[in-house]
Amino acid sequence: MGTTYKSAGVDIAAGDETVKRIKKLAKGTFNQNVLSDIGLFGAFFKIDLKKYVEPVLVSSVDGVGTKLKIAIQMDKHDTIGQDLVNHCVNDIAVCGAKPLFFLDYMAFGKLDPLKAEQLIKGFSIACKNNGCALIGGETAEMPGLYEQDDYDISGTIVGIAEKSSLINGRNIKKGDILIGFPSNGLHTNGYSLARKILLDEFTLDSVPDGFKNSLGNELLKVHKSYLYLISQLTKHISVKGFSHITGGGIVGNTMRLIPKGLVLDIFWDNWQQPKIFKLIQTLGNVNDEEMQRVFNLGVGLISIVSIKDVNKVMRISKQIGTKPIIVGEVI
């Protein structure tokens, strides 16, 4: 028998098996706007524009960085897809958009249909939770580019907003207040530094002093979606800006919105950082400035509002079970 694609490391049968496994999961996210089945060359989504005067499509694409290495080392693949969807949802929600549909990309050193199914399970859970459809994606097997057990994922989200309701920070002025909302850990940023420091000292199944979870489970906590919180706040308040705190930290992300001539005064002592950040800082002897630049430090979302709206933000967010924190001021 001559050389085959399989002998070169690409198993078409495994790809077909993966498609069979994921169809049901993806279809579970479909709504009446999805017009295509999984497996066609393109995905069809009908947009209902009746509710909009000037509809604007808002899109974003992202990955989850080296958090993947934790999932791979733990052989736990059903949460990392949730991380990716929630991250992408947050990136368009802070602009005032409602998610419509999500597309995924998965690339493997060696395609394992069961592993791919677990990844898609995570995508589908988060898509359903955020009210968007998982309408398509791409699965690739690339031996020689990735090690056999390695894989990478990325995602693209498309949402819609009324042009007049887009949130862009243009009305932010001196004296406006920054109200932060808790993360549940690293979310999807800073893992290269965290792994370098923590895995020199611990294994992933270790339980560090003062922690209830193993280090691995602590690091795999799912990136929060803030879509519902954002929708509730914007329903009742004229929020001037939202900042999704990812790579670059609180200042780096929030300054994207701040008009020229203004800066931020962050009240770093106003909240207690989750233990995982303190562990990283202590073990790695990382200075405050570097911690603030790399990590969210326990604040995953920031709203910027007029001082007259602060009490309303605090009340609404507490009513839906979120603990708001005044984290700074525009100066």
Protein backbone atom coordinates (compact mmCIF):
# COMPACT_ATOMS: atom_id res chain seq x y z
CA MET A 1 0.00 0.00 0.00
CA GLY A 2 1.32 3.45 -0.93
CA THR A 3 1.59 6.55 1.18
CA THR A 4 -1.76 7.81 2.46
CA TYR A 5 -3.03 11.00 4.08
CA LYS A 6 -3.53 8.99 7.28
CA SER A 7 0.09 7.81 7.26
CA ALA A 8 1.09 11.48 6.99
CA GLY A 9 -0.86 12.16 10.16
CA VAL A 10 -4.28 13.34 8.93
CA ASP A 11 -7.23 11.02 9.60
CA ILE A 12 -10.24 11.95 7.44
CA ALA A 13 -12.36 9.31 9.18
CA ALA A 14 -11.68 10.97 12.54
CA GLY A 15 -12.84 14.25 11.02
CA ASP A 16 -16.08 12.66 9.83
CA GLU A 17 -16.62 11.13 13.27
CA THR A 18 -16.06 14.54 14.88
CA VAL A 19 -18.72 16.15 12.66
CA LYS A 20 -21.21 13.43 13.64
CA ARG A 21 -20.51 13.98 17.33
CA ILE A 22 -20.84 17.75 17.28
CA LYS A 23 -23.95 18.14 15.11
CA LYS A 24 -26.41 17.56 17.93
CA LEU A 25 -24.55 19.90 20.28
CA ALA A 26 -24.44 22.70 17.73
CA LYS A 27 -28.07 22.25 16.71
CA GLY A 28 -29.05 22.65 20.35
CA THR A 29 -28.04 26.32 20.04
CA PHE A 30 -30.01 27.01 16.84
CA ASN A 31 -32.96 29.40 16.74
CA GLN A 32 -35.45 30.35 14.03
CA ASN A 33 -32.85 32.62 12.39
CA VAL A 34 -30.45 29.78 11.53
CA LEU A 35 -31.19 28.63 7.99
CA SER A 36 -28.41 26.12 7.38
CA ASP A 37 -27.33 22.74 8.68
CA ILE A 38 -23.87 21.87 9.95
CA GLY A 39 -21.60 20.70 7.13
CA LEU A 40 -22.38 23.15 4.34
CA PHE A 41 -19.69 25.45 2.96
CA GLY A 42 -21.19 28.48 4.65
CA ALA A 43 -23.57 29.20 7.50
CA PHE A 44 -26.81 31.10 6.88
CA PHE A 45 -28.34 33.40 9.48
CA LYS A 46 -31.43 35.55 8.85
CA ILE A 47 -31.34 38.92 10.62
CA ASP A 48 -34.59 40.45 11.84
CA LEU A 49 -34.12 44.18 11.32
CA LYS A 50 -37.66 45.29 12.18
CA LYS A 51 -36.65 46.34 15.69
CA TYR A 52 -33.82 48.57 14.46
CA VAL A 53 -33.73 52.01 12.87
CA GLU A 54 -30.00 51.94 12.03
CA PRO A 55 -28.71 48.42 12.75
CA VAL A 56 -24.98 47.96 13.17
CA LEU A 57 -23.20 44.60 13.14
CA VAL A 58 -20.53 44.30 15.84
CA SER A 59 -17.95 41.51 15.63
CA SER A 60 -14.93 40.22 17.50
CA VAL A 61 -12.44 37.37 17.23
CA ASP A 62 -10.31 35.92 20.01
CA GLY A 63 -8.58 32.92 21.54
CA VAL A 64 -7.90 31.77 25.08
CA GLY A 65 -4.10 31.92 25.10
CA THR A 66 -2.03 29.49 27.11
CA LYS A 67 -4.92 28.61 29.40
CA LEU A 68 -5.14 25.81 26.83
CA LYS A 69 -2.00 24.29 28.30
CA ILE A 70 -3.76 23.82 31.65
CA ALA A 71 -6.74 22.13 29.96
CA ILE A 72 -4.42 19.86 27.98
CA GLN A 73 -2.31 18.92 31.00
CA MET A 74 -5.43 18.14 33.03
CA ASP A 75 -7.12 16.37 30.10
CA LYS A 76 -10.22 18.45 30.82
CA HIS A 77 -11.71 20.05 27.72
CA ASP A 78 -15.34 20.87 28.49
CA THR A 79 -14.80 24.34 30.01
CA ILE A 80 -12.27 25.97 27.70
CA GLY A 81 -14.92 26.44 25.00
CA GLN A 82 -17.10 28.31 27.49
CA ASP A 83 -14.14 30.60 28.20
CA LEU A 84 -13.83 31.44 24.53
CA VAL A 85 -17.51 32.16 23.89
CA ASN A 86 -17.91 34.25 27.04
CA HIS A 87 -14.77 36.25 26.26
CA CYS A 88 -16.04 37.03 22.76
CA VAL A 89 -19.55 37.84 24.01
CA ASN A 90 -18.16 40.30 26.55
CA ASP A 91 -16.08 42.04 23.90
CA ILE A 92 -19.16 42.97 21.86
CA ALA A 93 -21.54 43.39 24.82
CA VAL A 94 -19.41 46.24 26.20
CA CYS A 95 -20.04 48.02 22.88
CA GLY A 96 -23.79 47.70 23.39
CA ALA A 97 -24.33 44.72 21.08
CA LYS A 98 -26.45 41.61 21.48
CA PRO A 99 -24.77 38.42 20.19
CA LEU A 100 -26.33 36.72 17.17
CA PHE A 101 -24.02 33.85 16.21
CA PHE A 102 -20.63 32.30 16.93
CA LEU A 103 -18.11 30.46 14.73
CA ASP A 104 -15.32 28.30 16.09
CA TYR A 105 -11.92 27.14 14.83
CA MET A 106 -10.13 24.11 16.29
CA ALA A 107 -6.71 22.89 15.19
CA PHE A 108 -5.18 19.64 16.50
CA GLY A 109 -1.86 17.86 16.29
CA LYS A 110 -3.88 14.63 16.21
CA LEU A 111 -7.65 14.88 16.00
CA ASP A 112 -9.42 13.08 18.83
CA PRO A 113 -13.20 13.09 18.17
CA LEU A 114 -13.98 12.74 21.89
CA LYS A 115 -11.77 15.71 22.77
CA ALA A 116 -13.32 17.77 19.97
CA GLU A 117 -16.77 16.84 21.23
CA GLN A 118 -15.91 18.12 24.71
CA LEU A 119 -14.69 21.41 23.26
CA ILE A 120 -17.89 21.81 21.25
CA LYS A 121 -19.89 20.94 24.35
CA GLY A 122 -18.31 23.96 26.04
CA PHE A 123 -19.08 26.19 23.05
CA SER A 124 -22.70 25.03 23.00
CA ILE A 125 -23.26 25.53 26.74
CA ALA A 126 -22.01 29.11 26.60
CA CYS A 127 -23.82 29.89 23.34
CA LYS A 128 -27.12 28.76 24.85
CA ASN A 129 -26.44 30.73 28.03
CA ASN A 130 -25.74 33.86 25.99
CA GLY A 131 -28.61 33.40 23.54
CA CYS A 132 -26.48 33.04 20.42
CA ALA A 133 -26.27 30.27 17.83
CA LEU A 134 -23.21 28.11 17.14
CA ILE A 135 -23.73 28.04 13.39
CA GLY A 136 -20.43 26.80 12.01
CA GLY A 137 -16.74 26.27 12.40
CA GLU A 138 -13.59 24.62 11.12
CA THR A 139 -11.68 21.62 12.45
CA ALA A 140 -8.14 21.04 11.24
CA GLU A 141 -5.57 18.33 11.88
CA MET A 142 -2.02 19.62 11.45
CA PRO A 143 0.71 17.15 12.42
CA GLY A 144 4.12 18.73 12.43
CA LEU A 145 2.74 22.12 13.39
CA TYR A 146 1.28 20.98 16.72
CA GLU A 147 2.44 18.21 19.03
CA GLN A 148 0.16 15.16 19.07
CA ASP A 149 -1.74 16.15 22.24
CA ASP A 150 -1.80 19.88 21.53
CA TYR A 151 -4.61 21.91 20.03
CA ASP A 152 -5.59 25.53 19.58
CA ILE A 153 -8.99 27.20 19.42
CA SER A 154 -10.30 30.58 18.36
CA GLY A 155 -13.74 32.02 17.85
CA THR A 156 -15.57 34.74 15.98
CA ILE A 157 -18.76 36.33 17.22
CA VAL A 158 -21.20 38.60 15.41
CA GLY A 159 -23.78 40.71 17.20
CA ILE A 160 -26.12 43.57 16.47
CA ALA A 161 -26.81 46.98 17.99
CA GLU A 162 -28.81 50.10 17.28
CA LYS A 163 -26.38 52.74 16.05
CA SER A 164 -27.70 55.32 18.53
CA SER A 165 -27.17 52.82 21.39
CA LEU A 166 -23.52 52.02 20.69
CA ILE A 167 -21.33 52.55 23.76
CA ASN A 168 -18.04 54.20 22.85
CA GLY A 169 -16.97 56.41 25.76
CA ARG A 170 -17.31 59.71 23.89
CA ASN A 171 -19.33 61.32 26.68
CA ILE A 172 -16.93 60.38 29.48
CA LYS A 173 -15.77 63.41 31.44
CA LYS A 174 -13.83 64.41 34.53
CA GLY A 175 -15.52 63.24 37.73
CA ASP A 176 -17.17 60.16 36.23
CA ILE A 177 -16.96 57.07 38.42
CA LEU A 178 -15.62 53.60 37.61
CA ILE A 179 -17.67 50.75 39.07
CA GLY A 180 -16.10 47.30 38.84
CA PHE A 181 -17.68 43.86 38.86
CA PRO A 182 -15.88 40.74 40.11
CA SER A 183 -14.06 38.20 38.00
CA ASN A 184 -13.70 34.67 39.33
CA GLY A 185 -9.98 34.42 38.70
CA LEU A 186 -7.63 34.88 35.77
CA HIS A 187 -10.41 34.49 33.16
CA THR A 188 -8.30 33.99 29.99
CA ASN A 189 -5.33 36.29 30.48
CA GLY A 190 -1.90 36.20 32.12
CA TYR A 191 -1.50 32.42 31.94
CA SER A 192 2.02 32.45 30.55
CA LEU A 193 3.25 34.34 33.62
CA ALA A 194 0.99 32.37 35.99
CA ARG A 195 2.17 29.00 34.66
CA LYS A 196 5.84 30.02 34.79
CA ILE A 197 5.52 30.95 38.47
CA LEU A 198 2.98 28.45 39.82
CA LEU A 199 4.10 25.29 38.03
CA ASP A 200 7.66 25.71 39.28
CA GLU A 201 6.25 25.28 42.79
CA PHE A 202 3.09 23.16 42.44
CA THR A 203 1.56 20.40 40.37
CA LEU A 204 -1.90 21.00 38.95
CA ASP A 205 -3.48 18.55 41.41
CA SER A 206 -1.88 20.33 44.40
CA VAL A 207 -4.16 22.26 46.75
CA PRO A 208 -2.22 25.35 47.91
CA ASP A 209 -2.70 26.52 51.50
CA GLY A 210 -5.94 28.44 51.91
CA PHE A 211 -7.51 27.07 48.70
CA LYS A 212 -10.50 24.72 48.45
CA ASN A 213 -9.80 23.63 44.86
CA SER A 214 -6.77 22.06 43.27
CA LEU A 215 -4.55 24.52 41.46
CA GLY A 216 -5.65 23.09 38.11
CA ASN A 217 -9.35 23.58 38.85
CA GLU A 218 -8.64 27.06 40.17
CA LEU A 219 -6.91 27.97 36.91
CA LEU A 220 -9.71 26.46 34.79
CA LYS A 221 -12.50 28.51 36.38
CA VAL A 222 -14.71 29.66 33.51
CA HIS A 223 -14.38 33.21 32.21
CA LYS A 224 -17.57 35.01 33.27
CA SER A 225 -20.12 36.35 30.82
CA TYR A 226 -21.29 39.85 31.73
CA LEU A 227 -23.98 40.05 29.04
CA TYR A 228 -26.96 39.89 31.40
CA LEU A 229 -25.45 42.43 33.80
CA ILE A 230 -24.67 44.81 30.94
CA SER A 231 -28.18 44.47 29.50
CA GLN A 232 -29.78 45.21 32.87
CA LEU A 233 -27.62 48.25 33.50
CA THR A 234 -28.14 49.76 30.05
CA LYS A 235 -31.89 49.19 30.31
CA HIS A 236 -32.10 51.61 33.23
CA ILE A 237 -28.98 53.80 33.09
CA SER A 238 -27.10 55.81 30.50
CA VAL A 239 -23.77 54.04 30.94
CA LYS A 240 -20.97 56.08 29.35
CA GLY A 241 -18.59 53.20 28.87
CA PHE A 242 -17.88 49.55 29.67
CA SER A 243 -14.44 48.00 29.82
CA HIS A 244 -13.86 44.23 29.56
CA ILE A 245 -10.72 43.62 31.62
CA THR A 246 -8.48 41.28 29.64
CA GLY A 247 -4.78 41.43 28.75
CA GLY A 248 -3.46 44.86 29.72
CA GLY A 249 -5.33 44.97 33.00
CA ILE A 250 -7.73 47.58 34.37
CA VAL A 251 -5.86 50.67 33.18
CA GLY A 252 -4.77 49.31 29.79
CA ASN A 253 -8.28 48.25 28.80
CA THR A 254 -10.23 51.14 30.29
CA MET A 255 -7.99 53.83 28.80
CA ARG A 256 -9.21 52.70 25.35
CA LEU A 257 -12.43 54.57 26.15
CA ILE A 258 -11.06 57.66 27.87
CA PRO A 259 -11.05 60.89 25.82
CA LYS A 260 -7.77 62.79 25.33
CA GLY A 261 -6.71 64.93 28.26
CA LEU A 262 -8.24 62.63 30.88
CA VAL A 263 -6.67 59.83 32.92
CA LEU A 264 -7.75 57.32 35.55
CA ASP A 265 -7.32 57.34 39.30
CA ILE A 266 -7.69 53.69 40.33
CA PHE A 267 -8.50 52.94 43.97
CA TRP A 268 -6.43 49.75 44.18
CA ASP A 269 -7.15 49.23 47.89
CA ASN A 270 -10.95 49.29 47.48
CA TRP A 271 -11.31 45.55 46.94
CA GLN A 272 -9.72 42.32 48.05
CA GLN A 273 -7.92 40.47 45.30
CA PRO A 274 -8.70 36.75 44.92
CA LYS A 275 -6.12 34.46 46.52
CA ILE A 276 -4.79 33.20 43.20
CA PHE A 277 -3.35 36.64 42.38
CA LYS A 278 -1.72 36.99 45.78
CA LEU A 279 -0.19 33.54 45.37
CA ILE A 280 1.25 34.44 41.96
CA GLN A 281 2.65 37.75 43.23
CA THR A 282 4.23 36.27 46.36
CA LEU A 283 5.77 33.20 44.73
CA GLY A 284 7.07 35.11 41.72
CA ASN A 285 8.08 38.25 43.59
CA VAL A 286 6.10 40.22 41.00
CA ASN A 287 5.82 43.96 41.61
CA ASP A 288 2.45 45.73 41.83
CA GLU A 289 2.86 47.51 38.52
CA GLU A 290 3.44 44.26 36.62
CA MET A 291 0.49 42.54 38.35
CA GLN A 292 -1.76 45.47 37.43
CA ARG A 293 -0.58 45.38 33.82
CA VAL A 294 -0.99 41.63 33.28
CA PHE A 295 -4.02 40.51 35.31
CA ASN A 296 -7.60 41.61 36.00
CA LEU A 297 -6.87 41.29 39.77
CA GLY A 298 -10.45 40.29 40.54
CA VAL A 299 -12.29 42.86 38.40
CA GLY A 300 -13.58 41.49 35.10
CA LEU A 301 -15.80 44.36 33.96
CA ILE A 302 -15.91 48.10 34.61
CA SER A 303 -18.76 50.52 33.95
CA ILE A 304 -18.13 54.25 33.72
CA VAL A 305 -21.06 56.39 34.82
CA SER A 306 -21.94 59.89 35.97
CA ILE A 307 -21.67 60.31 39.73
CA LYS A 308 -25.46 60.81 39.88
CA ASP A 309 -25.99 57.26 38.56
CA VAL A 310 -23.67 55.47 40.98
CA ASN A 311 -26.33 54.51 43.52
CA LYS A 312 -28.60 53.18 40.77
CA VAL A 313 -25.79 51.01 39.36
CA MET A 314 -25.03 49.67 42.82
CA ARG A 315 -28.69 48.86 43.48
CA ILE A 316 -29.40 47.15 40.14
CA SER A 317 -26.25 45.05 40.19
CA LYS A 318 -26.87 43.90 43.76
CA GLN A 319 -30.44 42.94 42.82
CA ILE A 320 -29.11 40.48 40.24
CA GLY A 321 -26.55 38.99 42.61
CA THR A 322 -23.44 40.90 41.58
CA LYS A 323 -21.17 42.71 44.05
CA PRO A 324 -20.23 46.14 42.61
CA ILE A 325 -17.07 47.92 43.69
CA ILE A 326 -16.15 51.58 43.19
CA VAL A 327 -12.71 51.13 41.65
CA GLY A 328 -11.77 54.60 40.45
CA GLU A 329 -12.54 58.00 38.98
CA VAL A 330 -11.86 59.84 35.75
CA ILE A 331 -9.58 62.82 36.41
